[in-house]
Amino acid sequence: MATEIDVALEGNTGAEEVAAAAVAETKKQAEPHKLERKWTFWFDNQSKPKQGEAWGTSLKRAYTFDTVEEFWCLYDQVFKPSKLPANADFHLFKAGIEPKWEDPECAHGGKWTITSSRKGGLDTMWLETLMALIGEQFDEADEICGVVASVRQRQDKLALWTKTATNEAAQMGIGRKWKEILDVSDKITYSFHDDSKRDRSAKARYNV
C-alpha cells in the first residue's frame, strides 16, 4: 500500500505538506542543534511531463531547514532517492539559491558529476554528500551551491554544483574532497554550465 509520502512524490504534489508535518512532529521532541547556514530541499518530477511545458516548471521548493534534527527528519521521512520515480530529482541547495542555470549564484558555475549503476548506491552517496555539506566539510564551502540526485532508468547520478567554473583551483579542491568523502576511485568530471547550455554532450573541463 502506498504511503502518504509515496503518493506525494508520484503526483509531484503535497511533498511540502508532508515535510512540514514531519518536521513539526520532530520539533516537539528535540532541542534543536543549529547548522552554520540554512538549506533548502527541492523536488522535480519529470517522469510525466506535460506537453509544451517549459523546462523548470515542475521544480518545486519543498522545505528550508537550519537544524540537525530537521535534516534527519526530512531525510528519513521524505528525501531518499530510492523513493523517487524514474526521471525525478531531489536537490539540496543553500537557501536563497534556486537549482537552475539562470540563478545568479549558478550562472557562471558548473558541476562535478558521479554516476552509479549499483542499486542503493545513490542513496549512500547522496546521504554522505548531504552530511558533508551541512557539516561544512569542504574548505571551499562558499563556492558550493548545492547537490542534485537524479534517478534515471539506465544510470543514476549525483551532481555537485559550484559557483565559479573558471576558478580551477577551487573546483579541483572540491572535486578531490568529494571523492575522498564518497571513497570512490573512478574518475569524476567537471563541466561548465555555459558549455552544457550550448551542447548537452559538451566535453568536461576538469577531472580528478
N, C-alpha and C. Protein backbone atom coordinates (compact mmCIF):
# COMPACT_ATOMS: atom_id res chain seq x y z
N MET A 1 0.85 -1.20 0.00
CA MET A 1 0.00 0.00 0.00
C MET A 1 0.89 1.25 0.00
N ALA A 2 0.58 2.22 -0.86
CA ALA A 2 1.37 3.43 -0.95
C ALA A 2 1.19 4.30 0.28
N THR A 3 2.31 4.87 0.77
CA THR A 3 2.24 5.78 1.91
C THR A 3 1.89 7.16 1.41
N GLU A 4 1.60 8.06 2.36
CA GLU A 4 1.30 9.45 2.00
C GLU A 4 2.47 10.08 1.26
N ILE A 5 3.70 9.71 1.69
CA ILE A 5 4.89 10.25 1.05
C ILE A 5 4.99 9.77 -0.39
N ASP A 6 4.79 8.46 -0.60
CA ASP A 6 4.87 7.90 -1.94
C ASP A 6 3.88 8.58 -2.88
N VAL A 7 2.67 8.79 -2.40
CA VAL A 7 1.64 9.44 -3.21
C VAL A 7 2.06 10.86 -3.55
N ALA A 8 2.62 11.58 -2.58
CA ALA A 8 3.04 12.95 -2.80
C ALA A 8 4.13 13.02 -3.87
N LEU A 9 5.11 12.11 -3.80
CA LEU A 9 6.20 12.13 -4.75
C LEU A 9 5.73 11.74 -6.14
N GLU A 10 4.94 10.70 -6.22
CA GLU A 10 4.47 10.25 -7.52
C GLU A 10 3.64 11.33 -8.21
N GLY A 11 2.83 12.03 -7.45
CA GLY A 11 1.96 13.03 -8.03
C GLY A 11 2.56 14.40 -8.14
N ASN A 12 3.81 14.55 -7.61
CA ASN A 12 4.50 15.84 -7.65
C ASN A 12 3.72 16.92 -6.91
N THR A 13 2.87 16.51 -5.96
CA THR A 13 2.16 17.48 -5.14
C THR A 13 2.17 16.98 -3.71
N GLY A 14 2.10 17.89 -2.78
CA GLY A 14 1.97 17.52 -1.39
C GLY A 14 3.27 17.24 -0.67
N ALA A 15 4.42 17.21 -1.35
CA ALA A 15 5.69 16.92 -0.70
C ALA A 15 6.00 17.96 0.38
N GLU A 16 5.67 19.22 0.09
CA GLU A 16 5.92 20.29 1.05
C GLU A 16 5.10 20.08 2.33
N GLU A 17 3.83 19.69 2.16
CA GLU A 17 2.97 19.47 3.32
C GLU A 17 3.45 18.28 4.16
N VAL A 18 3.88 17.22 3.48
CA VAL A 18 4.38 16.04 4.18
C VAL A 18 5.63 16.38 4.97
N ALA A 19 6.55 17.12 4.34
CA ALA A 19 7.78 17.51 5.01
C ALA A 19 7.50 18.40 6.21
N ALA A 20 6.60 19.35 6.05
CA ALA A 20 6.26 20.27 7.14
C ALA A 20 5.66 19.52 8.32
N ALA A 21 4.80 18.55 8.05
CA ALA A 21 4.18 17.79 9.13
C ALA A 21 5.22 16.96 9.88
N ALA A 22 6.15 16.37 9.14
CA ALA A 22 7.18 15.55 9.76
C ALA A 22 8.09 16.40 10.65
N VAL A 23 8.46 17.58 10.16
CA VAL A 23 9.33 18.47 10.93
C VAL A 23 8.61 18.99 12.18
N ALA A 24 7.34 19.30 12.05
CA ALA A 24 6.57 19.81 13.19
C ALA A 24 6.57 18.79 14.32
N GLU A 25 6.42 17.52 13.97
CA GLU A 25 6.43 16.47 14.99
C GLU A 25 7.80 16.35 15.64
N THR A 26 8.85 16.47 14.84
CA THR A 26 10.21 16.37 15.36
C THR A 26 10.54 17.51 16.30
N LYS A 27 10.07 18.71 15.98
CA LYS A 27 10.36 19.88 16.81
C LYS A 27 9.80 19.73 18.22
N LYS A 28 8.75 18.96 18.35
CA LYS A 28 8.16 18.75 19.67
C LYS A 28 9.03 17.86 20.55
N GLN A 29 9.89 17.07 19.91
CA GLN A 29 10.60 16.03 20.63
C GLN A 29 12.06 16.34 20.92
N ALA A 30 12.66 17.33 20.26
CA ALA A 30 14.10 17.52 20.38
C ALA A 30 14.48 18.99 20.53
N GLU A 31 15.55 19.24 21.28
CA GLU A 31 16.15 20.56 21.37
C GLU A 31 17.00 20.76 20.12
N PRO A 32 16.73 21.77 19.31
CA PRO A 32 17.41 21.88 18.02
C PRO A 32 18.90 22.22 18.12
N HIS A 33 19.67 21.66 17.21
CA HIS A 33 21.09 21.98 17.06
C HIS A 33 21.25 22.74 15.74
N LYS A 34 21.58 24.01 15.84
CA LYS A 34 21.62 24.88 14.66
C LYS A 34 22.79 24.54 13.73
N LEU A 35 22.53 24.63 12.43
CA LEU A 35 23.57 24.48 11.41
C LEU A 35 24.21 25.84 11.13
N GLU A 36 25.33 25.83 10.41
CA GLU A 36 26.03 27.07 10.07
C GLU A 36 25.19 27.96 9.16
N ARG A 37 24.36 27.33 8.31
CA ARG A 37 23.55 28.09 7.36
C ARG A 37 22.26 27.34 7.06
N LYS A 38 21.35 28.01 6.39
CA LYS A 38 20.08 27.38 6.01
C LYS A 38 20.22 26.67 4.67
N TRP A 39 19.47 25.57 4.53
CA TRP A 39 19.47 24.78 3.30
C TRP A 39 18.03 24.51 2.88
N THR A 40 17.85 24.32 1.57
CA THR A 40 16.50 24.05 1.05
C THR A 40 16.49 22.78 0.21
N PHE A 41 15.53 21.90 0.49
CA PHE A 41 15.28 20.73 -0.35
C PHE A 41 14.31 21.14 -1.47
N TRP A 42 14.58 20.64 -2.67
CA TRP A 42 13.72 20.84 -3.84
C TRP A 42 13.37 19.47 -4.42
N PHE A 43 12.26 19.41 -5.14
CA PHE A 43 11.80 18.18 -5.78
C PHE A 43 11.39 18.49 -7.21
N ASP A 44 11.82 17.65 -8.14
CA ASP A 44 11.49 17.86 -9.55
C ASP A 44 11.10 16.52 -10.16
N ASN A 45 9.83 16.38 -10.52
CA ASN A 45 9.32 15.14 -11.11
C ASN A 45 9.10 15.35 -12.61
N GLN A 46 10.04 14.82 -13.40
CA GLN A 46 9.94 14.92 -14.86
C GLN A 46 9.47 13.62 -15.48
N SER A 47 8.97 12.70 -14.65
CA SER A 47 8.57 11.39 -15.15
C SER A 47 7.30 11.46 -15.99
N LYS A 48 6.48 12.49 -15.74
CA LYS A 48 5.25 12.64 -16.52
C LYS A 48 5.12 14.08 -17.01
N PRO A 49 6.02 14.48 -17.93
CA PRO A 49 5.99 15.87 -18.40
C PRO A 49 4.72 16.19 -19.17
N LYS A 50 4.23 17.43 -19.00
CA LYS A 50 3.07 17.88 -19.73
C LYS A 50 3.52 18.46 -21.07
N GLN A 51 2.77 18.17 -22.10
CA GLN A 51 3.13 18.63 -23.44
C GLN A 51 3.22 20.15 -23.48
N GLY A 52 4.33 20.65 -24.02
CA GLY A 52 4.51 22.08 -24.17
C GLY A 52 4.98 22.78 -22.91
N GLU A 53 5.18 22.03 -21.83
CA GLU A 53 5.59 22.64 -20.56
C GLU A 53 7.05 23.06 -20.61
N ALA A 54 7.35 24.27 -20.18
CA ALA A 54 8.72 24.77 -20.21
C ALA A 54 9.57 24.07 -19.16
N TRP A 55 10.89 23.96 -19.47
CA TRP A 55 11.80 23.33 -18.52
C TRP A 55 11.80 24.10 -17.21
N GLY A 56 11.81 23.38 -16.11
CA GLY A 56 11.88 24.00 -14.79
C GLY A 56 10.54 24.24 -14.13
N THR A 57 9.44 24.10 -14.88
CA THR A 57 8.13 24.38 -14.30
C THR A 57 7.71 23.30 -13.30
N SER A 58 8.32 22.11 -13.39
CA SER A 58 7.97 21.04 -12.45
C SER A 58 8.83 21.09 -11.18
N LEU A 59 9.79 22.00 -11.13
CA LEU A 59 10.67 22.14 -9.98
C LEU A 59 9.92 22.80 -8.82
N LYS A 60 9.90 22.15 -7.66
CA LYS A 60 9.16 22.65 -6.51
C LYS A 60 10.06 22.78 -5.28
N ARG A 61 9.97 23.93 -4.62
CA ARG A 61 10.65 24.09 -3.34
C ARG A 61 9.88 23.30 -2.30
N ALA A 62 10.56 22.43 -1.56
CA ALA A 62 9.87 21.56 -0.61
C ALA A 62 9.99 22.04 0.83
N TYR A 63 11.23 22.30 1.31
CA TYR A 63 11.35 22.72 2.71
C TYR A 63 12.72 23.34 2.96
N THR A 64 12.76 24.43 3.74
CA THR A 64 14.01 25.06 4.17
C THR A 64 14.22 24.76 5.66
N PHE A 65 15.44 24.36 6.00
CA PHE A 65 15.73 23.97 7.38
C PHE A 65 17.08 24.53 7.82
N ASP A 66 17.29 24.59 9.14
CA ASP A 66 18.58 25.06 9.66
C ASP A 66 18.99 24.36 10.95
N THR A 67 18.43 23.16 11.20
CA THR A 67 18.85 22.39 12.38
C THR A 67 19.15 20.95 11.98
N VAL A 68 19.97 20.30 12.79
CA VAL A 68 20.32 18.90 12.56
C VAL A 68 19.08 18.02 12.64
N GLU A 69 18.21 18.32 13.60
CA GLU A 69 17.02 17.50 13.80
C GLU A 69 16.08 17.57 12.60
N GLU A 70 15.90 18.76 12.06
CA GLU A 70 15.04 18.91 10.88
C GLU A 70 15.62 18.12 9.70
N PHE A 71 16.94 18.21 9.53
CA PHE A 71 17.57 17.49 8.43
C PHE A 71 17.29 15.99 8.50
N TRP A 72 17.54 15.38 9.66
CA TRP A 72 17.36 13.94 9.77
C TRP A 72 15.90 13.53 9.59
N CYS A 73 15.01 14.35 10.09
CA CYS A 73 13.59 14.06 9.92
C CYS A 73 13.20 14.10 8.45
N LEU A 74 13.65 15.14 7.75
CA LEU A 74 13.32 15.29 6.34
C LEU A 74 13.94 14.17 5.51
N TYR A 75 15.18 13.84 5.80
CA TYR A 75 15.84 12.77 5.04
C TYR A 75 15.14 11.44 5.27
N ASP A 76 14.91 11.10 6.52
CA ASP A 76 14.31 9.80 6.84
C ASP A 76 12.90 9.66 6.30
N GLN A 77 12.12 10.73 6.39
CA GLN A 77 10.71 10.67 6.03
C GLN A 77 10.44 10.88 4.54
N VAL A 78 11.27 11.69 3.88
CA VAL A 78 10.92 12.10 2.51
C VAL A 78 12.07 11.96 1.51
N PHE A 79 13.21 12.54 1.81
CA PHE A 79 14.18 12.85 0.77
C PHE A 79 15.26 11.79 0.55
N LYS A 80 14.85 10.56 0.35
CA LYS A 80 15.75 9.49 -0.07
C LYS A 80 15.53 9.23 -1.56
N PRO A 81 16.58 9.22 -2.37
CA PRO A 81 16.40 8.98 -3.80
C PRO A 81 15.67 7.68 -4.13
N SER A 82 15.79 6.67 -3.27
CA SER A 82 15.11 5.40 -3.52
C SER A 82 13.59 5.55 -3.50
N LYS A 83 13.09 6.67 -3.00
CA LYS A 83 11.65 6.93 -3.00
C LYS A 83 11.18 7.56 -4.32
N LEU A 84 12.14 7.96 -5.16
CA LEU A 84 11.80 8.70 -6.38
C LEU A 84 11.39 7.78 -7.53
N PRO A 85 10.44 8.24 -8.36
CA PRO A 85 10.17 7.54 -9.62
C PRO A 85 11.29 7.84 -10.61
N ALA A 86 11.37 7.09 -11.70
CA ALA A 86 12.38 7.34 -12.72
C ALA A 86 12.19 8.73 -13.32
N ASN A 87 13.30 9.37 -13.67
CA ASN A 87 13.30 10.71 -14.26
C ASN A 87 12.85 11.79 -13.28
N ALA A 88 13.15 11.60 -12.01
CA ALA A 88 12.86 12.61 -11.00
C ALA A 88 14.15 12.96 -10.25
N ASP A 89 14.16 14.14 -9.64
CA ASP A 89 15.36 14.63 -8.96
C ASP A 89 15.02 15.16 -7.56
N PHE A 90 15.96 14.98 -6.65
CA PHE A 90 15.97 15.71 -5.38
C PHE A 90 17.16 16.67 -5.43
N HIS A 91 16.97 17.86 -4.85
CA HIS A 91 18.05 18.84 -4.77
C HIS A 91 18.18 19.30 -3.31
N LEU A 92 19.41 19.55 -2.90
CA LEU A 92 19.66 20.28 -1.65
C LEU A 92 20.57 21.44 -2.01
N PHE A 93 20.05 22.67 -1.88
CA PHE A 93 20.82 23.87 -2.20
C PHE A 93 20.80 24.84 -1.02
N LYS A 94 21.82 25.67 -0.97
CA LYS A 94 21.82 26.72 0.04
C LYS A 94 20.55 27.56 -0.10
N ALA A 95 19.96 27.93 1.02
CA ALA A 95 18.75 28.74 0.99
C ALA A 95 19.01 30.02 0.21
N GLY A 96 18.08 30.36 -0.68
CA GLY A 96 18.21 31.56 -1.49
C GLY A 96 18.77 31.30 -2.87
N ILE A 97 19.25 30.07 -3.12
CA ILE A 97 19.76 29.70 -4.45
C ILE A 97 18.80 28.69 -5.08
N GLU A 98 18.31 29.00 -6.26
CA GLU A 98 17.46 28.04 -6.98
C GLU A 98 18.34 27.12 -7.83
N PRO A 99 18.01 25.84 -7.89
CA PRO A 99 18.83 24.90 -8.67
C PRO A 99 18.56 25.03 -10.16
N LYS A 100 18.91 26.20 -10.70
CA LYS A 100 18.73 26.50 -12.11
C LYS A 100 19.96 27.22 -12.63
N TRP A 101 20.30 26.99 -13.90
CA TRP A 101 21.41 27.71 -14.51
C TRP A 101 21.20 29.21 -14.44
N GLU A 102 19.94 29.65 -14.49
CA GLU A 102 19.66 31.09 -14.55
C GLU A 102 19.85 31.81 -13.22
N ASP A 103 19.90 31.07 -12.12
CA ASP A 103 20.10 31.73 -10.83
C ASP A 103 21.45 32.45 -10.82
N PRO A 104 21.50 33.69 -10.32
CA PRO A 104 22.76 34.46 -10.34
C PRO A 104 23.93 33.74 -9.68
N GLU A 105 23.65 32.94 -8.65
CA GLU A 105 24.72 32.23 -7.96
C GLU A 105 25.25 31.05 -8.78
N CYS A 106 24.45 30.57 -9.72
CA CYS A 106 24.83 29.39 -10.52
C CYS A 106 25.25 29.75 -11.94
N ALA A 107 24.92 30.96 -12.38
CA ALA A 107 25.04 31.34 -13.79
C ALA A 107 26.43 31.15 -14.37
N HIS A 108 27.47 31.39 -13.57
CA HIS A 108 28.85 31.28 -14.06
C HIS A 108 29.55 30.04 -13.49
N GLY A 109 28.75 29.08 -13.07
CA GLY A 109 29.30 27.91 -12.42
C GLY A 109 29.32 26.67 -13.28
N GLY A 110 29.40 25.54 -12.59
CA GLY A 110 29.42 24.25 -13.26
C GLY A 110 29.13 23.16 -12.25
N LYS A 111 29.45 21.91 -12.61
CA LYS A 111 29.12 20.82 -11.70
C LYS A 111 30.08 19.64 -11.85
N TRP A 112 30.39 19.03 -10.72
CA TRP A 112 31.05 17.73 -10.68
C TRP A 112 29.96 16.67 -10.75
N THR A 113 30.22 15.58 -11.48
CA THR A 113 29.21 14.53 -11.65
C THR A 113 29.78 13.16 -11.35
N ILE A 114 29.00 12.39 -10.58
CA ILE A 114 29.32 10.99 -10.28
C ILE A 114 28.11 10.15 -10.69
N THR A 115 28.36 9.03 -11.34
CA THR A 115 27.27 8.13 -11.74
C THR A 115 27.30 6.86 -10.89
N SER A 116 26.13 6.21 -10.80
CA SER A 116 26.02 4.97 -10.04
C SER A 116 25.06 4.02 -10.73
N SER A 117 25.54 2.82 -11.03
CA SER A 117 24.68 1.79 -11.62
C SER A 117 24.34 0.72 -10.59
N ARG A 118 24.86 0.89 -9.36
CA ARG A 118 24.63 -0.09 -8.29
C ARG A 118 23.35 0.26 -7.54
N LYS A 119 22.47 -0.69 -7.39
CA LYS A 119 21.20 -0.45 -6.68
C LYS A 119 21.50 -0.02 -5.24
N GLY A 120 20.92 1.07 -4.83
CA GLY A 120 21.15 1.58 -3.48
C GLY A 120 22.36 2.48 -3.37
N GLY A 121 23.19 2.51 -4.42
CA GLY A 121 24.39 3.33 -4.37
C GLY A 121 24.10 4.81 -4.30
N LEU A 122 23.06 5.24 -4.98
CA LEU A 122 22.73 6.67 -4.99
C LEU A 122 22.32 7.14 -3.60
N ASP A 123 21.54 6.35 -2.88
CA ASP A 123 21.13 6.72 -1.53
C ASP A 123 22.35 6.96 -0.64
N THR A 124 23.32 6.06 -0.72
CA THR A 124 24.51 6.16 0.12
C THR A 124 25.32 7.40 -0.22
N MET A 125 25.59 7.63 -1.51
CA MET A 125 26.38 8.78 -1.92
C MET A 125 25.65 10.09 -1.62
N TRP A 126 24.35 10.11 -1.81
CA TRP A 126 23.52 11.28 -1.51
C TRP A 126 23.63 11.64 -0.04
N LEU A 127 23.45 10.67 0.84
CA LEU A 127 23.49 10.95 2.28
C LEU A 127 24.88 11.42 2.70
N GLU A 128 25.94 10.77 2.20
CA GLU A 128 27.30 11.18 2.56
C GLU A 128 27.56 12.62 2.11
N THR A 129 27.05 12.98 0.93
CA THR A 129 27.23 14.33 0.42
C THR A 129 26.43 15.35 1.23
N LEU A 130 25.19 15.01 1.56
CA LEU A 130 24.37 15.92 2.37
C LEU A 130 25.04 16.21 3.71
N MET A 131 25.53 15.16 4.37
CA MET A 131 26.17 15.36 5.67
C MET A 131 27.43 16.21 5.55
N ALA A 132 28.17 16.02 4.45
CA ALA A 132 29.37 16.84 4.24
C ALA A 132 29.02 18.30 4.01
N LEU A 133 27.92 18.55 3.30
CA LEU A 133 27.52 19.93 3.02
C LEU A 133 27.02 20.63 4.28
N ILE A 134 26.07 20.04 4.96
CA ILE A 134 25.52 20.72 6.14
C ILE A 134 26.53 20.74 7.29
N GLY A 135 27.50 19.82 7.26
CA GLY A 135 28.55 19.79 8.28
C GLY A 135 29.76 20.64 7.92
N GLU A 136 29.66 21.36 6.79
CA GLU A 136 30.71 22.30 6.34
C GLU A 136 32.08 21.61 6.24
N GLN A 137 32.13 20.46 5.58
CA GLN A 137 33.37 19.70 5.48
C GLN A 137 34.27 20.14 4.33
N PHE A 138 33.75 20.97 3.42
CA PHE A 138 34.55 21.43 2.28
C PHE A 138 35.28 22.72 2.63
N ASP A 139 36.59 22.78 2.33
CA ASP A 139 37.34 24.02 2.57
C ASP A 139 36.80 25.16 1.70
N GLU A 140 36.31 24.82 0.51
CA GLU A 140 35.78 25.82 -0.42
C GLU A 140 34.26 25.89 -0.31
N ALA A 141 33.72 25.81 0.90
CA ALA A 141 32.27 25.73 1.10
C ALA A 141 31.51 26.89 0.46
N ASP A 142 32.11 28.09 0.44
CA ASP A 142 31.43 29.24 -0.14
C ASP A 142 31.26 29.11 -1.65
N GLU A 143 32.05 28.23 -2.27
CA GLU A 143 31.97 28.01 -3.71
C GLU A 143 30.83 27.06 -4.09
N ILE A 144 30.31 26.33 -3.12
CA ILE A 144 29.32 25.30 -3.42
C ILE A 144 27.90 25.86 -3.38
N CYS A 145 27.12 25.53 -4.40
CA CYS A 145 25.71 25.94 -4.46
C CYS A 145 24.80 24.87 -3.88
N GLY A 146 25.03 23.61 -4.26
CA GLY A 146 24.18 22.53 -3.79
C GLY A 146 24.45 21.24 -4.55
N VAL A 147 23.60 20.26 -4.32
CA VAL A 147 23.78 18.94 -4.94
C VAL A 147 22.45 18.43 -5.46
N VAL A 148 22.50 17.67 -6.55
CA VAL A 148 21.31 17.11 -7.19
C VAL A 148 21.45 15.59 -7.30
N ALA A 149 20.43 14.86 -6.85
CA ALA A 149 20.36 13.41 -7.03
C ALA A 149 19.34 13.12 -8.11
N SER A 150 19.75 12.42 -9.17
CA SER A 150 18.88 12.16 -10.32
C SER A 150 18.70 10.66 -10.52
N VAL A 151 17.45 10.22 -10.51
CA VAL A 151 17.13 8.81 -10.75
C VAL A 151 16.80 8.64 -12.23
N ARG A 152 17.56 7.79 -12.90
CA ARG A 152 17.35 7.55 -14.32
C ARG A 152 17.30 6.04 -14.58
N GLN A 153 16.67 5.64 -15.66
CA GLN A 153 16.49 4.22 -15.93
C GLN A 153 17.81 3.50 -16.14
N ARG A 154 18.72 4.11 -16.88
CA ARG A 154 19.99 3.44 -17.17
C ARG A 154 21.01 3.61 -16.06
N GLN A 155 21.12 4.82 -15.54
CA GLN A 155 22.20 5.11 -14.60
C GLN A 155 21.82 6.31 -13.74
N ASP A 156 21.85 6.13 -12.43
CA ASP A 156 21.58 7.25 -11.52
C ASP A 156 22.83 8.14 -11.47
N LYS A 157 22.61 9.40 -11.08
CA LYS A 157 23.78 10.28 -10.98
C LYS A 157 23.60 11.32 -9.89
N LEU A 158 24.74 11.82 -9.44
CA LEU A 158 24.80 12.86 -8.42
C LEU A 158 25.64 14.00 -8.99
N ALA A 159 25.16 15.23 -8.85
CA ALA A 159 25.89 16.38 -9.39
C ALA A 159 26.05 17.44 -8.30
N LEU A 160 27.30 17.85 -8.09
CA LEU A 160 27.62 18.87 -7.09
C LEU A 160 27.86 20.19 -7.82
N TRP A 161 26.95 21.16 -7.63
CA TRP A 161 27.00 22.44 -8.34
C TRP A 161 27.88 23.45 -7.59
N THR A 162 28.68 24.20 -8.34
CA THR A 162 29.54 25.22 -7.75
C THR A 162 29.37 26.55 -8.48
N LYS A 163 29.91 27.62 -7.90
CA LYS A 163 29.64 28.98 -8.37
C LYS A 163 30.53 29.46 -9.53
N THR A 164 31.84 29.26 -9.40
CA THR A 164 32.79 29.91 -10.31
C THR A 164 33.56 28.86 -11.09
N ALA A 165 33.04 28.49 -12.25
CA ALA A 165 33.63 27.40 -13.02
C ALA A 165 35.08 27.68 -13.42
N THR A 166 35.42 28.94 -13.67
CA THR A 166 36.77 29.28 -14.14
C THR A 166 37.81 29.23 -13.03
N ASN A 167 37.40 29.14 -11.78
CA ASN A 167 38.33 29.04 -10.65
C ASN A 167 38.76 27.58 -10.52
N GLU A 168 39.73 27.21 -11.36
CA GLU A 168 40.13 25.79 -11.44
C GLU A 168 40.64 25.26 -10.11
N ALA A 169 41.42 26.06 -9.40
CA ALA A 169 41.98 25.58 -8.13
C ALA A 169 40.89 25.22 -7.14
N ALA A 170 39.86 26.07 -7.05
CA ALA A 170 38.76 25.80 -6.12
C ALA A 170 37.99 24.56 -6.55
N GLN A 171 37.71 24.45 -7.85
CA GLN A 171 36.94 23.30 -8.33
C GLN A 171 37.71 21.99 -8.14
N MET A 172 38.99 22.00 -8.37
CA MET A 172 39.80 20.79 -8.18
C MET A 172 39.84 20.39 -6.70
N GLY A 173 39.91 21.40 -5.83
CA GLY A 173 39.89 21.11 -4.40
C GLY A 173 38.58 20.48 -3.97
N ILE A 174 37.47 21.00 -4.51
CA ILE A 174 36.15 20.45 -4.20
C ILE A 174 36.01 19.03 -4.74
N GLY A 175 36.46 18.82 -5.99
CA GLY A 175 36.38 17.50 -6.59
C GLY A 175 37.16 16.45 -5.82
N ARG A 176 38.38 16.79 -5.42
CA ARG A 176 39.20 15.84 -4.66
C ARG A 176 38.57 15.52 -3.32
N LYS A 177 38.06 16.55 -2.65
CA LYS A 177 37.44 16.33 -1.34
C LYS A 177 36.18 15.47 -1.47
N TRP A 178 35.40 15.71 -2.52
CA TRP A 178 34.16 14.93 -2.72
C TRP A 178 34.49 13.46 -2.95
N LYS A 179 35.52 13.18 -3.77
CA LYS A 179 35.94 11.80 -4.00
C LYS A 179 36.37 11.14 -2.68
N GLU A 180 37.08 11.91 -1.86
CA GLU A 180 37.52 11.39 -0.57
C GLU A 180 36.33 11.07 0.33
N ILE A 181 35.35 11.97 0.37
CA ILE A 181 34.16 11.77 1.20
C ILE A 181 33.40 10.52 0.77
N LEU A 182 33.27 10.35 -0.55
CA LEU A 182 32.49 9.22 -1.08
C LEU A 182 33.31 7.95 -1.22
N ASP A 183 34.63 8.07 -1.05
CA ASP A 183 35.53 6.92 -1.14
C ASP A 183 35.37 6.21 -2.49
N VAL A 184 35.45 7.00 -3.56
CA VAL A 184 35.37 6.42 -4.90
C VAL A 184 36.72 6.52 -5.58
N SER A 185 37.03 5.55 -6.42
CA SER A 185 38.31 5.54 -7.13
C SER A 185 38.17 5.91 -8.60
N ASP A 186 36.96 5.79 -9.15
CA ASP A 186 36.74 6.14 -10.56
C ASP A 186 36.90 7.64 -10.78
N LYS A 187 37.31 8.01 -11.98
CA LYS A 187 37.46 9.42 -12.32
C LYS A 187 36.11 10.12 -12.31
N ILE A 188 36.08 11.34 -11.78
CA ILE A 188 34.87 12.15 -11.87
C ILE A 188 35.18 13.40 -12.68
N THR A 189 34.15 13.98 -13.31
CA THR A 189 34.38 15.07 -14.26
C THR A 189 33.60 16.33 -13.87
N TYR A 190 34.14 17.46 -14.32
CA TYR A 190 33.51 18.77 -14.07
C TYR A 190 33.19 19.44 -15.39
N SER A 191 31.94 19.88 -15.54
CA SER A 191 31.51 20.57 -16.75
C SER A 191 31.01 21.97 -16.41
N PHE A 192 31.20 22.91 -17.35
CA PHE A 192 30.72 24.28 -17.20
C PHE A 192 29.26 24.34 -17.60
N HIS A 193 28.44 25.07 -16.85
CA HIS A 193 27.04 25.25 -17.24
C HIS A 193 26.94 25.92 -18.61
N ASP A 194 27.82 26.89 -18.90
CA ASP A 194 27.78 27.59 -20.18
C ASP A 194 27.98 26.61 -21.34
N ASP A 195 28.89 25.66 -21.17
CA ASP A 195 29.12 24.65 -22.21
C ASP A 195 27.88 23.78 -22.38
N SER A 196 27.28 23.38 -21.26
CA SER A 196 26.12 22.49 -21.30
C SER A 196 24.91 23.16 -21.93
N LYS A 197 24.80 24.48 -21.75
CA LYS A 197 23.69 25.22 -22.37
C LYS A 197 23.76 25.13 -23.89
N ARG A 198 25.00 25.20 -24.42
CA ARG A 198 25.19 25.17 -25.86
C ARG A 198 25.13 23.76 -26.43
N ASP A 199 25.64 22.82 -25.63
CA ASP A 199 25.70 21.43 -26.10
C ASP A 199 25.61 20.50 -24.91
N ARG A 200 24.52 19.75 -24.81
CA ARG A 200 24.30 18.86 -23.67
C ARG A 200 25.40 17.81 -23.53
N SER A 201 26.06 17.49 -24.64
CA SER A 201 27.12 16.49 -24.60
C SER A 201 28.52 17.12 -24.63
N ALA A 202 28.62 18.38 -24.20
CA ALA A 202 29.90 19.08 -24.19
C ALA A 202 30.92 18.35 -23.34
N LYS A 203 32.19 18.45 -23.73
CA LYS A 203 33.26 17.77 -23.01
C LYS A 203 33.48 18.39 -21.63
N ALA A 204 33.94 17.55 -20.71
CA ALA A 204 34.27 18.03 -19.37
C ALA A 204 35.53 18.91 -19.43
N ARG A 205 35.61 19.88 -18.51
CA ARG A 205 36.77 20.78 -18.47
C ARG A 205 37.84 20.26 -17.49
N TYR A 206 37.40 19.69 -16.35
CA TYR A 206 38.34 19.19 -15.36
C TYR A 206 37.98 17.75 -15.01
N ASN A 207 38.96 17.03 -14.46
CA ASN A 207 38.66 15.71 -13.91
C ASN A 207 39.64 15.37 -12.81
N VAL A 208 39.20 14.55 -11.89
CA VAL A 208 40.08 14.09 -10.79
C VAL A 208 39.86 12.60 -10.59
